[in-house]
Amino acid sequence: MAHFLSVAPDQWVPEISGAYVDEALTAEAVAFRIATHVPIEATKIRIPTFGGDPTSQWVEEGEDLDVTDATLDGIDVEPKTIAVLSKVSRQFFDDQGQLSTAVLAGQGRDLGRKIDAALFGSNASNTKAPAGLRNVTGVNVIHAGGTWSNLDAFAAAKFHAETLGEQVNFYAAHPDDALGLATLKDESGSIRPVLGPDPSMPTATNIGGVPVVVSEYITTGDVWAIPSRHLHLVQRGAVAAEISHEAYFGSLSVALRSFARIAFGFSRPAAFSRITTHSGS
């Protein structure tokens, strides 16, 4: 059902309007579903990175223990700004006396798409965008062959994470790859899919109990195994929506601007796996 936000030109409420954009953004962006959300108000945050546990030992009663340290470091994550600007007729405000949330929702959805594109892409050549998964060094790469023919590589990714004491919470794939995996059969000539039903998640696609999410911004032929506690989506402040009557003064229009400040932190790259059908990548 369509919703409308009653906003006269002189009664713009930034908090309410920003909430509409935020709702559409978080619903659209896969990143918000698979990452640990870290809200901040400061310019940046330092996230601890993990290299290994301290070493324990068996001892006699009263025996001195050897001192070992956890392998700890940190990464600085500074959110970058993603923004969108729309031009709306002043008549839309004056005659209707209300602002359709379709405008705000459309801005929010596009912000969400751009956030996913940043997460799953490589932003090495665009310093305005935050670093994404393709920019991270130390990620485990698993070659699955030239085509998706079985789920062995996914078992390898899952057990790789478990040997590090971690857990794969999501597989993230391009829709074409997700479809290819979902239509695999258990043997030649069979109609039985390799991916059997999971009674605990009857409406979700999953591999070995791990949910599969899809994004068009993932490179075809790659599937990411995501440990959510080590993927941090850092957001500075709330999603904002603003209005200006001056920007398009000569055309009897108003400007609607929405923006968010977002960046990603990868606190243990070795716990991530990129399962790929691309040779030598």
Protein backbone atom coordinates (compact mmCIF):
# COMPACT_ATOMS: atom_id res chain seq x y z
CA MET A 1 0.00 0.00 0.00
CA ALA A 2 1.32 3.47 -0.85
CA HIS A 3 2.19 5.74 2.06
CA PHE A 4 2.32 9.52 2.06
CA LEU A 5 4.17 11.91 4.29
CA SER A 6 2.26 15.13 4.91
CA VAL A 7 4.84 17.85 4.41
CA ALA A 8 3.98 21.38 3.35
CA PRO A 9 6.85 23.43 1.87
CA ASP A 10 7.41 25.22 5.19
CA GLN A 11 6.91 22.12 7.36
CA TRP A 12 9.74 19.84 6.24
CA VAL A 13 10.72 17.49 9.07
CA PRO A 14 14.26 16.19 8.43
CA GLU A 15 14.08 13.40 11.03
CA ILE A 16 10.87 11.91 9.61
CA SER A 17 11.99 12.30 6.01
CA GLY A 18 15.37 10.76 6.75
CA ALA A 19 13.63 7.78 8.33
CA TYR A 20 11.79 7.06 5.06
CA VAL A 21 15.05 7.14 3.14
CA ASP A 22 16.74 4.95 5.75
CA GLU A 23 13.95 2.37 5.61
CA ALA A 24 14.25 2.04 1.84
CA LEU A 25 18.06 2.01 1.97
CA THR A 26 18.37 -0.77 4.54
CA ALA A 27 15.72 -2.87 2.78
CA GLU A 28 17.58 -2.58 -0.54
CA ALA A 29 21.18 -3.01 0.60
CA VAL A 30 22.40 -6.57 1.07
CA ALA A 31 25.29 -5.08 3.06
CA PHE A 32 22.98 -4.23 5.96
CA ARG A 33 21.78 -7.84 6.14
CA ILE A 34 25.14 -9.57 6.18
CA ALA A 35 27.35 -7.16 8.13
CA THR A 36 27.65 -6.09 11.74
CA HIS A 37 26.24 -2.58 11.91
CA VAL A 38 28.48 -0.14 13.81
CA PRO A 39 26.88 3.30 14.31
CA ILE A 40 29.25 6.11 15.27
CA GLU A 41 29.13 9.87 15.71
CA ALA A 42 32.86 10.51 15.45
CA THR A 43 34.81 11.04 12.24
CA LYS A 44 36.23 7.50 12.33
CA ILE A 45 36.56 4.41 14.51
CA ARG A 46 39.39 2.01 15.24
CA ILE A 47 38.28 -1.62 14.99
CA PRO A 48 40.44 -4.31 16.61
CA THR A 49 41.80 -6.93 14.22
CA PHE A 50 42.49 -10.48 15.28
CA GLY A 51 45.48 -12.63 14.45
CA GLY A 52 45.35 -15.49 16.93
CA ASP A 53 44.52 -16.62 20.47
CA PRO A 54 46.97 -16.66 23.39
CA THR A 55 48.60 -20.07 23.99
CA SER A 56 47.47 -22.15 26.96
CA GLN A 57 49.45 -24.98 28.60
CA TRP A 58 49.18 -27.83 31.08
CA VAL A 59 50.99 -27.08 34.33
CA GLU A 60 51.70 -28.52 37.73
CA GLU A 61 50.09 -26.84 40.72
CA GLY A 62 52.14 -23.81 41.63
CA GLU A 63 54.14 -23.86 38.41
CA ASP A 64 54.73 -20.50 36.74
CA LEU A 65 52.90 -19.96 33.45
CA ASP A 66 54.61 -18.82 30.28
CA VAL A 67 53.30 -15.45 29.20
CA THR A 68 51.77 -15.24 25.72
CA ASP A 69 49.97 -12.37 24.06
CA ALA A 70 46.98 -12.35 21.77
CA THR A 71 47.87 -11.16 18.27
CA LEU A 72 45.95 -7.90 18.17
CA ASP A 73 46.10 -4.83 16.00
CA GLY A 74 43.55 -2.41 14.64
CA ILE A 75 42.24 -0.75 11.50
CA ASP A 76 40.92 2.77 11.17
CA VAL A 77 37.57 3.01 9.38
CA GLU A 78 36.40 6.44 8.25
CA PRO A 79 32.92 6.60 6.66
CA LYS A 80 32.62 8.15 3.20
CA THR A 81 29.63 10.16 1.96
CA ILE A 82 27.13 8.77 -0.54
CA ALA A 83 24.51 11.29 -1.66
CA VAL A 84 21.67 11.79 -4.14
CA LEU A 85 19.94 14.97 -5.34
CA SER A 86 16.46 15.16 -6.91
CA LYS A 87 14.50 18.05 -8.43
CA VAL A 88 10.77 18.21 -7.62
CA SER A 89 8.18 20.67 -8.92
CA ARG A 90 7.07 23.27 -6.39
CA GLN A 91 3.54 22.65 -7.63
CA PHE A 92 3.88 19.11 -6.29
CA PHE A 93 4.19 20.64 -2.84
CA ASP A 94 1.72 23.50 -3.16
CA ASP A 95 -1.14 21.72 -4.91
CA GLN A 96 -0.98 18.38 -3.14
CA GLY A 97 0.23 19.63 0.21
CA GLN A 98 2.15 16.43 0.77
CA LEU A 99 5.35 14.76 -0.30
CA SER A 100 4.96 11.25 -1.66
CA THR A 101 7.40 8.91 -0.01
CA ALA A 102 8.04 7.45 -3.45
CA VAL A 103 10.63 10.20 -4.01
CA LEU A 104 12.39 9.50 -0.74
CA ALA A 105 12.14 5.74 -1.15
CA GLY A 106 13.63 5.97 -4.62
CA GLN A 107 16.58 7.92 -3.25
CA GLY A 108 17.00 5.39 -0.46
CA ARG A 109 16.95 2.41 -2.80
CA ASP A 110 19.63 3.92 -5.02
CA LEU A 111 21.80 4.72 -2.01
CA GLY A 112 21.44 1.07 -0.99
CA ARG A 113 22.46 -0.15 -4.44
CA LYS A 114 25.55 2.08 -4.45
CA ILE A 115 26.54 0.78 -1.00
CA ASP A 116 26.35 -2.82 -2.27
CA ALA A 117 28.37 -1.90 -5.34
CA ALA A 118 31.06 -0.46 -3.05
CA LEU A 119 31.09 -3.51 -0.76
CA PHE A 120 31.36 -6.15 -3.47
CA GLY A 121 33.52 -4.21 -5.89
CA SER A 122 37.01 -2.76 -6.00
CA ASN A 123 37.29 0.93 -5.26
CA ALA A 124 41.06 1.25 -5.57
CA SER A 125 40.68 3.87 -8.32
CA ASN A 126 37.92 5.79 -6.56
CA THR A 127 39.12 7.35 -3.33
CA LYS A 128 35.69 8.88 -2.77
CA ALA A 129 34.23 5.42 -2.08
CA PRO A 130 35.08 3.11 0.84
CA ALA A 131 37.32 0.06 0.35
CA GLY A 132 35.36 -3.07 -0.59
CA LEU A 133 35.93 -6.80 -0.45
CA ARG A 134 38.02 -6.73 -3.62
CA ASN A 135 40.44 -4.35 -1.92
CA VAL A 136 41.10 -6.66 1.04
CA THR A 137 44.32 -8.68 1.11
CA GLY A 138 44.59 -12.04 2.85
CA VAL A 139 41.20 -13.43 1.81
CA ASN A 140 41.12 -17.21 1.31
CA VAL A 141 40.54 -18.10 -2.36
CA ILE A 142 38.95 -21.44 -3.29
CA HIS A 143 38.82 -22.56 -6.93
CA ALA A 144 35.66 -24.45 -7.79
CA GLY A 145 36.59 -25.39 -11.36
CA GLY A 146 35.32 -23.76 -14.52
CA THR A 147 31.62 -24.27 -13.71
CA TRP A 148 29.42 -24.94 -10.70
CA SER A 149 29.22 -28.74 -10.73
CA ASN A 150 29.06 -29.56 -7.00
CA LEU A 151 29.16 -27.97 -3.56
CA ASP A 152 32.62 -29.18 -2.51
CA ALA A 153 34.10 -25.67 -2.59
CA PHE A 154 31.41 -24.45 -0.20
CA ALA A 155 32.22 -27.21 2.26
CA ALA A 156 35.87 -26.17 1.98
CA ALA A 157 34.98 -22.54 2.76
CA LYS A 158 32.88 -23.54 5.74
CA PHE A 159 35.53 -25.79 7.23
CA HIS A 160 38.24 -23.23 6.52
CA ALA A 161 36.38 -20.74 8.71
CA GLU A 162 35.81 -23.34 11.41
CA THR A 163 39.52 -24.20 11.60
CA LEU A 164 40.03 -20.53 12.50
CA GLY A 165 37.30 -20.69 15.12
CA GLU A 166 34.97 -18.67 12.91
CA GLN A 167 31.61 -19.24 11.23
CA VAL A 168 30.31 -18.59 7.74
CA ASN A 169 27.01 -16.74 8.25
CA PHE A 170 26.17 -15.97 4.61
CA TYR A 171 27.13 -16.83 1.07
CA ALA A 172 26.81 -13.81 -1.21
CA ALA A 173 26.44 -14.50 -4.94
CA HIS A 174 25.44 -12.92 -8.22
CA PRO A 175 21.84 -13.92 -9.12
CA ASP A 176 23.07 -15.95 -12.12
CA ASP A 177 25.38 -18.01 -9.89
CA ALA A 178 22.72 -18.47 -7.24
CA LEU A 179 20.36 -19.82 -9.91
CA GLY A 180 23.05 -22.13 -11.28
CA LEU A 181 23.71 -23.55 -7.82
CA ALA A 182 20.00 -23.89 -7.03
CA THR A 183 19.41 -25.94 -10.20
CA LEU A 184 22.29 -28.40 -9.68
CA LYS A 185 21.07 -32.00 -9.57
CA ASP A 186 22.39 -34.71 -7.26
CA GLU A 187 23.42 -36.93 -10.21
CA SER A 188 23.28 -37.07 -13.97
CA GLY A 189 19.72 -37.58 -15.25
CA SER A 190 18.20 -36.84 -11.83
CA ILE A 191 15.59 -34.21 -11.11
CA ARG A 192 16.53 -34.03 -7.42
CA PRO A 193 18.33 -30.77 -6.58
CA VAL A 194 21.63 -30.83 -4.71
CA LEU A 195 20.29 -28.11 -2.44
CA GLY A 196 17.76 -29.91 -0.29
CA PRO A 197 15.04 -28.11 1.70
CA ASP A 198 15.78 -26.75 5.17
CA PRO A 199 12.70 -26.98 7.43
CA SER A 200 14.07 -24.18 9.62
CA MET A 201 14.24 -21.78 6.64
CA PRO A 202 11.54 -22.94 4.19
CA THR A 203 11.58 -19.74 2.11
CA ALA A 204 15.34 -19.19 2.02
CA THR A 205 17.98 -20.57 -0.31
CA ASN A 206 20.83 -22.07 1.67
CA ILE A 207 23.92 -24.19 1.17
CA GLY A 208 24.75 -26.52 4.03
CA GLY A 209 22.50 -24.52 6.33
CA VAL A 210 24.12 -21.20 5.39
CA PRO A 211 21.74 -18.63 3.81
CA VAL A 212 22.50 -17.38 0.31
CA VAL A 213 21.97 -13.69 -0.48
CA VAL A 214 22.22 -12.25 -3.98
CA SER A 215 23.48 -8.99 -5.40
CA GLU A 216 23.91 -7.94 -9.01
CA TYR A 217 27.11 -6.14 -7.99
CA ILE A 218 29.01 -9.35 -7.24
CA THR A 219 31.27 -10.51 -10.06
CA THR A 220 29.70 -13.41 -11.92
CA GLY A 221 31.58 -16.59 -11.07
CA ASP A 222 32.46 -15.46 -7.55
CA VAL A 223 30.68 -16.34 -4.31
CA TRP A 224 31.75 -14.76 -1.03
CA ALA A 225 31.69 -16.70 2.24
CA ILE A 226 30.98 -14.04 4.86
CA PRO A 227 31.75 -14.24 8.61
CA SER A 228 29.43 -11.45 9.74
CA ARG A 229 31.24 -10.61 12.96
CA HIS A 230 34.32 -9.64 10.95
CA LEU A 231 32.44 -7.56 8.35
CA HIS A 232 31.71 -4.19 9.93
CA LEU A 233 29.38 -1.69 8.29
CA VAL A 234 30.35 1.58 9.94
CA GLN A 235 27.75 4.35 9.68
CA ARG A 236 28.36 7.87 10.89
CA GLY A 237 25.16 9.52 12.05
CA ALA A 238 21.69 8.91 10.68
CA VAL A 239 20.60 8.88 7.06
CA ALA A 240 19.65 12.47 6.29
CA ALA A 241 17.07 14.05 3.97
CA GLU A 242 17.18 17.80 3.28
CA ILE A 243 15.23 20.33 1.21
CA SER A 244 16.25 23.56 -0.54
CA HIS A 245 13.91 26.12 -2.10
CA GLU A 246 16.79 28.16 -3.49
CA ALA A 247 18.68 25.62 -5.62
CA TYR A 248 16.16 25.73 -8.50
CA PHE A 249 14.61 29.11 -7.72
CA GLY A 250 14.30 30.05 -11.41
CA SER A 251 12.26 26.98 -12.34
CA LEU A 252 9.76 26.97 -9.46
CA SER A 253 11.23 23.70 -8.19
CA VAL A 254 12.70 22.43 -4.95
CA ALA A 255 15.72 20.23 -4.38
CA LEU A 256 15.58 17.08 -2.28
CA ARG A 257 18.91 15.73 -1.07
CA SER A 258 19.57 12.53 0.86
CA PHE A 259 22.89 11.23 2.07
CA ALA A 260 24.56 8.69 4.32
CA ARG A 261 28.12 8.21 5.57
CA ILE A 262 29.24 4.60 5.23
CA ALA A 263 32.45 2.53 5.23
CA PHE A 264 33.42 -1.10 5.77
CA GLY A 265 35.90 -2.73 8.10
CA PHE A 266 37.31 -6.24 7.65
CA SER A 267 38.73 -7.30 11.00
CA ARG A 268 39.93 -10.80 10.01
CA PRO A 269 40.40 -11.15 6.25
CA ALA A 270 41.60 -14.76 6.54
CA ALA A 271 38.14 -15.79 7.77
CA PHE A 272 36.57 -14.69 4.46
CA SER A 273 36.61 -16.95 1.42
CA ARG A 274 36.07 -16.09 -2.22
CA ILE A 275 34.82 -19.19 -4.04
CA THR A 276 35.46 -18.71 -7.72
CA THR A 277 35.09 -20.43 -11.07
CA HIS A 278 37.69 -18.08 -12.58
CA SER A 279 41.07 -19.72 -13.09
CA GLY A 280 44.11 -17.94 -11.75
CA SER A 281 42.16 -15.27 -9.87
